[in-house]
Amino acid sequence: MGKSKGTVEKLPILCERKGVEKATACKNHAHMLVNIPSILRVSSLVGYLKRKAV
C-alpha cells in the first residue's frame, strides 16, 4: 500500500491542528522531526497522523 500523492505535504498541516509547533518531512518518505506539546502523547499523534494522512 503506497502513500497517496500529497501525503507528505499534509503532515505539517495535520500536526499544526494538534498543536505541534514544528513538523517537517522528507519528500519521498515520512521521517519527521516534531516538537510535541507536553499534553499530547506521542502515540496519540502518530495514530492521528496515520489515520488522516492516507
PDB file of N, CA and C in Angstrom:
ATOM      1  N   MET A   1       0.844  -1.185   0.000  1.00  0.00           N
ATOM      2  CA  MET A   1       0.000   0.000   0.000  1.00  0.00           C
ATOM      3  C   MET A   1       0.882   1.239   0.000  1.00  0.00           C
ATOM      4  N   GLY A   2       0.876   2.022  -1.063  1.00  0.00           N
ATOM      5  CA  GLY A   2       1.704   3.210  -1.182  1.00  0.00           C
ATOM      6  C   GLY A   2       1.010   4.434  -0.623  1.00  0.00           C
ATOM      7  N   LYS A   3       1.804   5.415  -0.373  1.00  0.00           N
ATOM      8  CA  LYS A   3       1.266   6.684   0.117  1.00  0.00           C
ATOM      9  C   LYS A   3       0.657   7.466  -1.044  1.00  0.00           C
ATOM     10  N   SER A   4      -0.440   8.113  -0.807  1.00  0.00           N
ATOM     11  CA  SER A   4      -1.062   8.920  -1.853  1.00  0.00           C
ATOM     12  C   SER A   4      -0.244  10.185  -2.086  1.00  0.00           C
ATOM     13  N   LYS A   5      -0.347  10.733  -3.281  1.00  0.00           N
ATOM     14  CA  LYS A   5       0.379  11.955  -3.603  1.00  0.00           C
ATOM     15  C   LYS A   5      -0.122  13.073  -2.691  1.00  0.00           C
ATOM     16  N   GLY A   6       0.805  13.792  -2.138  1.00  0.00           N
ATOM     17  CA  GLY A   6       0.438  14.896  -1.262  1.00  0.00           C
ATOM     18  C   GLY A   6       0.430  14.542   0.213  1.00  0.00           C
ATOM     19  N   THR A   7       0.636  13.276   0.548  1.00  0.00           N
ATOM     20  CA  THR A   7       0.614  12.876   1.957  1.00  0.00           C
ATOM     21  C   THR A   7       1.668  13.617   2.757  1.00  0.00           C
ATOM     22  N   VAL A   8       2.887  13.699   2.243  1.00  0.00           N
ATOM     23  CA  VAL A   8       3.962  14.375   2.968  1.00  0.00           C
ATOM     24  C   VAL A   8       3.631  15.847   3.153  1.00  0.00           C
ATOM     25  N   GLU A   9       2.974  16.445   2.182  1.00  0.00           N
ATOM     26  CA  GLU A   9       2.588  17.845   2.300  1.00  0.00           C
ATOM     27  C   GLU A   9       1.509  18.045   3.359  1.00  0.00           C
ATOM     28  N   LYS A  10       0.695  17.039   3.604  1.00  0.00           N
ATOM     29  CA  LYS A  10      -0.373  17.130   4.606  1.00  0.00           C
ATOM     30  C   LYS A  10       0.150  17.057   6.032  1.00  0.00           C
ATOM     31  N   LEU A  11       1.264  16.372   6.247  1.00  0.00           N
ATOM     32  CA  LEU A  11       1.724  16.110   7.606  1.00  0.00           C
ATOM     33  C   LEU A  11       1.932  17.360   8.450  1.00  0.00           C
ATOM     34  N   PRO A  12       2.615  18.396   7.954  1.00  0.00           N
ATOM     35  CA  PRO A  12       2.760  19.606   8.790  1.00  0.00           C
ATOM     36  C   PRO A  12       1.420  20.261   9.133  1.00  0.00           C
ATOM     37  N   ILE A  13       0.474  20.218   8.207  1.00  0.00           N
ATOM     38  CA  ILE A  13      -0.852  20.801   8.450  1.00  0.00           C
ATOM     39  C   ILE A  13      -1.580  20.014   9.533  1.00  0.00           C
ATOM     40  N   LEU A  14      -1.525  18.694   9.438  1.00  0.00           N
ATOM     41  CA  LEU A  14      -2.177  17.848  10.441  1.00  0.00           C
ATOM     42  C   LEU A  14      -1.537  18.037  11.812  1.00  0.00           C
ATOM     43  N   CYS A  15      -0.228  18.155  11.843  1.00  0.00           N
ATOM     44  CA  CYS A  15       0.460  18.384  13.116  1.00  0.00           C
ATOM     45  C   CYS A  15       0.053  19.720  13.730  1.00  0.00           C
ATOM     46  N   GLU A  16      -0.057  20.733  12.898  1.00  0.00           N
ATOM     47  CA  GLU A  16      -0.457  22.056  13.386  1.00  0.00           C
ATOM     48  C   GLU A  16      -1.820  21.996  14.063  1.00  0.00           C
ATOM     49  N   ARG A  17      -2.729  21.211  13.509  1.00  0.00           N
ATOM     50  CA  ARG A  17      -4.070  21.054  14.103  1.00  0.00           C
ATOM     51  C   ARG A  17      -4.014  20.467  15.504  1.00  0.00           C
ATOM     52  N   LYS A  18      -2.960  19.703  15.803  1.00  0.00           N
ATOM     53  CA  LYS A  18      -2.806  19.079  17.121  1.00  0.00           C
ATOM     54  C   LYS A  18      -1.937  19.903  18.068  1.00  0.00           C
ATOM     55  N   GLY A  19      -1.526  21.103  17.619  1.00  0.00           N
ATOM     56  CA  GLY A  19      -0.736  21.963  18.487  1.00  0.00           C
ATOM     57  C   GLY A  19       0.753  21.709  18.425  1.00  0.00           C
ATOM     58  N   VAL A  20       1.203  20.953  17.438  1.00  0.00           N
ATOM     59  CA  VAL A  20       2.629  20.708  17.273  1.00  0.00           C
ATOM     60  C   VAL A  20       3.266  21.957  16.685  1.00  0.00           C
ATOM     61  N   GLU A  21       4.321  22.459  17.319  1.00  0.00           N
ATOM     62  CA  GLU A  21       4.950  23.711  16.900  1.00  0.00           C
ATOM     63  C   GLU A  21       5.586  23.622  15.524  1.00  0.00           C
ATOM     64  N   LYS A  22       6.347  22.578  15.295  1.00  0.00           N
ATOM     65  CA  LYS A  22       7.085  22.473  14.040  1.00  0.00           C
ATOM     66  C   LYS A  22       7.107  21.024  13.587  1.00  0.00           C
ATOM     67  N   ALA A  23       6.837  20.819  12.328  1.00  0.00           N
ATOM     68  CA  ALA A  23       6.896  19.478  11.748  1.00  0.00           C
ATOM     69  C   ALA A  23       7.442  19.593  10.339  1.00  0.00           C
ATOM     70  N   THR A  24       8.415  18.784  10.043  1.00  0.00           N
ATOM     71  CA  THR A  24       8.956  18.739   8.693  1.00  0.00           C
ATOM     72  C   THR A  24       9.032  17.287   8.268  1.00  0.00           C
ATOM     73  N   ALA A  25       8.971  17.034   6.975  1.00  0.00           N
ATOM     74  CA  ALA A  25       9.048  15.669   6.464  1.00  0.00           C
ATOM     75  C   ALA A  25       9.812  15.669   5.154  1.00  0.00           C
ATOM     76  N   CYS A  26      10.413  14.558   4.846  1.00  0.00           N
ATOM     77  CA  CYS A  26      11.123  14.407   3.575  1.00  0.00           C
ATOM     78  C   CYS A  26      10.109  14.216   2.451  1.00  0.00           C
ATOM     79  N   LYS A  27      10.515  14.516   1.222  1.00  0.00           N
ATOM     80  CA  LYS A  27       9.583  14.442   0.094  1.00  0.00           C
ATOM     81  C   LYS A  27       9.184  13.023  -0.284  1.00  0.00           C
ATOM     82  N   ASN A  28      10.086  12.060  -0.134  1.00  0.00           N
ATOM     83  CA  ASN A  28       9.765  10.728  -0.603  1.00  0.00           C
ATOM     84  C   ASN A  28       9.483   9.717   0.501  1.00  0.00           C
ATOM     85  N   HIS A  29       9.534  10.133   1.729  1.00  0.00           N
ATOM     86  CA  HIS A  29       9.178   9.273   2.855  1.00  0.00           C
ATOM     87  C   HIS A  29       8.842  10.125   4.072  1.00  0.00           C
ATOM     88  N   ALA A  30       8.355   9.500   5.111  1.00  0.00           N
ATOM     89  CA  ALA A  30       7.776  10.261   6.211  1.00  0.00           C
ATOM     90  C   ALA A  30       8.589  10.215   7.494  1.00  0.00           C
ATOM     91  N   HIS A  31       9.900  10.391   7.416  1.00  0.00           N
ATOM     92  CA  HIS A  31      10.668  10.616   8.630  1.00  0.00           C
ATOM     93  C   HIS A  31      10.331  12.030   9.072  1.00  0.00           C
ATOM     94  N   MET A  32      10.001  12.198  10.342  1.00  0.00           N
ATOM     95  CA  MET A  32       9.604  13.521  10.814  1.00  0.00           C
ATOM     96  C   MET A  32      10.349  13.892  12.084  1.00  0.00           C
ATOM     97  N   LEU A  33      10.571  15.165  12.230  1.00  0.00           N
ATOM     98  CA  LEU A  33      11.093  15.724  13.464  1.00  0.00           C
ATOM     99  C   LEU A  33      10.016  16.669  13.968  1.00  0.00           C
ATOM    100  N   VAL A  34       9.458  16.376  15.141  1.00  0.00           N
ATOM    101  CA  VAL A  34       8.361  17.194  15.662  1.00  0.00           C
ATOM    102  C   VAL A  34       8.656  17.632  17.089  1.00  0.00           C
ATOM    103  N   ASN A  35       8.091  18.746  17.454  1.00  0.00           N
ATOM    104  CA  ASN A  35       8.132  19.246  18.817  1.00  0.00           C
ATOM    105  C   ASN A  35       6.701  19.143  19.320  1.00  0.00           C
ATOM    106  N   ILE A  36       6.433  18.180  20.193  1.00  0.00           N
ATOM    107  CA  ILE A  36       5.076  17.853  20.623  1.00  0.00           C
ATOM    108  C   ILE A  36       4.775  18.525  21.965  1.00  0.00           C
ATOM    109  N   PRO A  37       3.592  19.148  22.087  1.00  0.00           N
ATOM    110  CA  PRO A  37       3.220  19.731  23.390  1.00  0.00           C
ATOM    111  C   PRO A  37       3.163  18.647  24.470  1.00  0.00           C
ATOM    112  N   SER A  38       3.471  19.012  25.691  1.00  0.00           N
ATOM    113  CA  SER A  38       3.535  18.031  26.784  1.00  0.00           C
ATOM    114  C   SER A  38       2.187  17.372  27.080  1.00  0.00           C
ATOM    115  N   ILE A  39       1.088  17.970  26.651  1.00  0.00           N
ATOM    116  CA  ILE A  39      -0.223  17.378  26.920  1.00  0.00           C
ATOM    117  C   ILE A  39      -0.619  16.320  25.885  1.00  0.00           C
ATOM    118  N   LEU A  40       0.203  16.159  24.848  1.00  0.00           N
ATOM    119  CA  LEU A  40      -0.107  15.215  23.776  1.00  0.00           C
ATOM    120  C   LEU A  40       0.856  14.040  23.825  1.00  0.00           C
ATOM    121  N   ARG A  41       0.303  12.826  23.859  1.00  0.00           N
ATOM    122  CA  ARG A  41       1.145  11.638  23.843  1.00  0.00           C
ATOM    123  C   ARG A  41       1.653  11.383  22.425  1.00  0.00           C
ATOM    124  N   VAL A  42       2.865  10.889  22.314  1.00  0.00           N
ATOM    125  CA  VAL A  42       3.453  10.578  21.010  1.00  0.00           C
ATOM    126  C   VAL A  42       2.583   9.566  20.279  1.00  0.00           C
ATOM    127  N   SER A  43       2.131   8.532  20.966  1.00  0.00           N
ATOM    128  CA  SER A  43       1.310   7.501  20.328  1.00  0.00           C
ATOM    129  C   SER A  43      -0.008   8.066  19.803  1.00  0.00           C
ATOM    130  N   SER A  44      -0.570   9.039  20.492  1.00  0.00           N
ATOM    131  CA  SER A  44      -1.806   9.673  20.025  1.00  0.00           C
ATOM    132  C   SER A  44      -1.563  10.447  18.737  1.00  0.00           C
ATOM    133  N   LEU A  45      -0.457  11.187  18.677  1.00  0.00           N
ATOM    134  CA  LEU A  45      -0.131  11.944  17.477  1.00  0.00           C
ATOM    135  C   LEU A  45       0.126  11.019  16.290  1.00  0.00           C
ATOM    136  N   VAL A  46       0.910   9.973  16.501  1.00  0.00           N
ATOM    137  CA  VAL A  46       1.226   9.044  15.412  1.00  0.00           C
ATOM    138  C   VAL A  46      -0.043   8.363  14.911  1.00  0.00           C
ATOM    139  N   GLY A  47      -0.909   7.934  15.808  1.00  0.00           N
ATOM    140  CA  GLY A  47      -2.174   7.324  15.402  1.00  0.00           C
ATOM    141  C   GLY A  47      -3.036   8.273  14.598  1.00  0.00           C
ATOM    142  N   TYR A  48      -3.118   9.515  15.035  1.00  0.00           N
ATOM    143  CA  TYR A  48      -3.878  10.547  14.314  1.00  0.00           C
ATOM    144  C   TYR A  48      -3.318  10.743  12.919  1.00  0.00           C
ATOM    145  N   LEU A  49      -1.998  10.873  12.805  1.00  0.00           N
ATOM    146  CA  LEU A  49      -1.365  11.080  11.506  1.00  0.00           C
ATOM    147  C   LEU A  49      -1.589   9.898  10.561  1.00  0.00           C
ATOM    148  N   LYS A  50      -1.499   8.693  11.086  1.00  0.00           N
ATOM    149  CA  LYS A  50      -1.717   7.507  10.246  1.00  0.00           C
ATOM    150  C   LYS A  50      -3.133   7.458   9.711  1.00  0.00           C
ATOM    151  N   ARG A  51      -4.094   7.829  10.545  1.00  0.00           N
ATOM    152  CA  ARG A  51      -5.499   7.811  10.098  1.00  0.00           C
ATOM    153  C   ARG A  51      -5.799   8.906   9.076  1.00  0.00           C
ATOM    154  N   LYS A  52      -5.251  10.089   9.267  1.00  0.00           N
ATOM    155  CA  LYS A  52      -5.600  11.252   8.449  1.00  0.00           C
ATOM    156  C   LYS A  52      -4.756  11.407   7.195  1.00  0.00           C
ATOM    157  N   ALA A  53      -3.520  10.947   7.201  1.00  0.00           N
ATOM    158  CA  ALA A  53      -2.593  11.236   6.111  1.00  0.00           C
ATOM    159  C   ALA A  53      -2.688  10.294   4.935  1.00  0.00           C
ATOM    160  N   VAL A  54      -3.460   9.251   5.039  1.00  0.00           N
ATOM    161  CA  VAL A  54      -3.521   8.263   3.947  1.00  0.00           C
ATOM    162  C   VAL A  54      -4.369   8.755   2.806  1.00  0.00           C
TER     163      VAL A  54
END
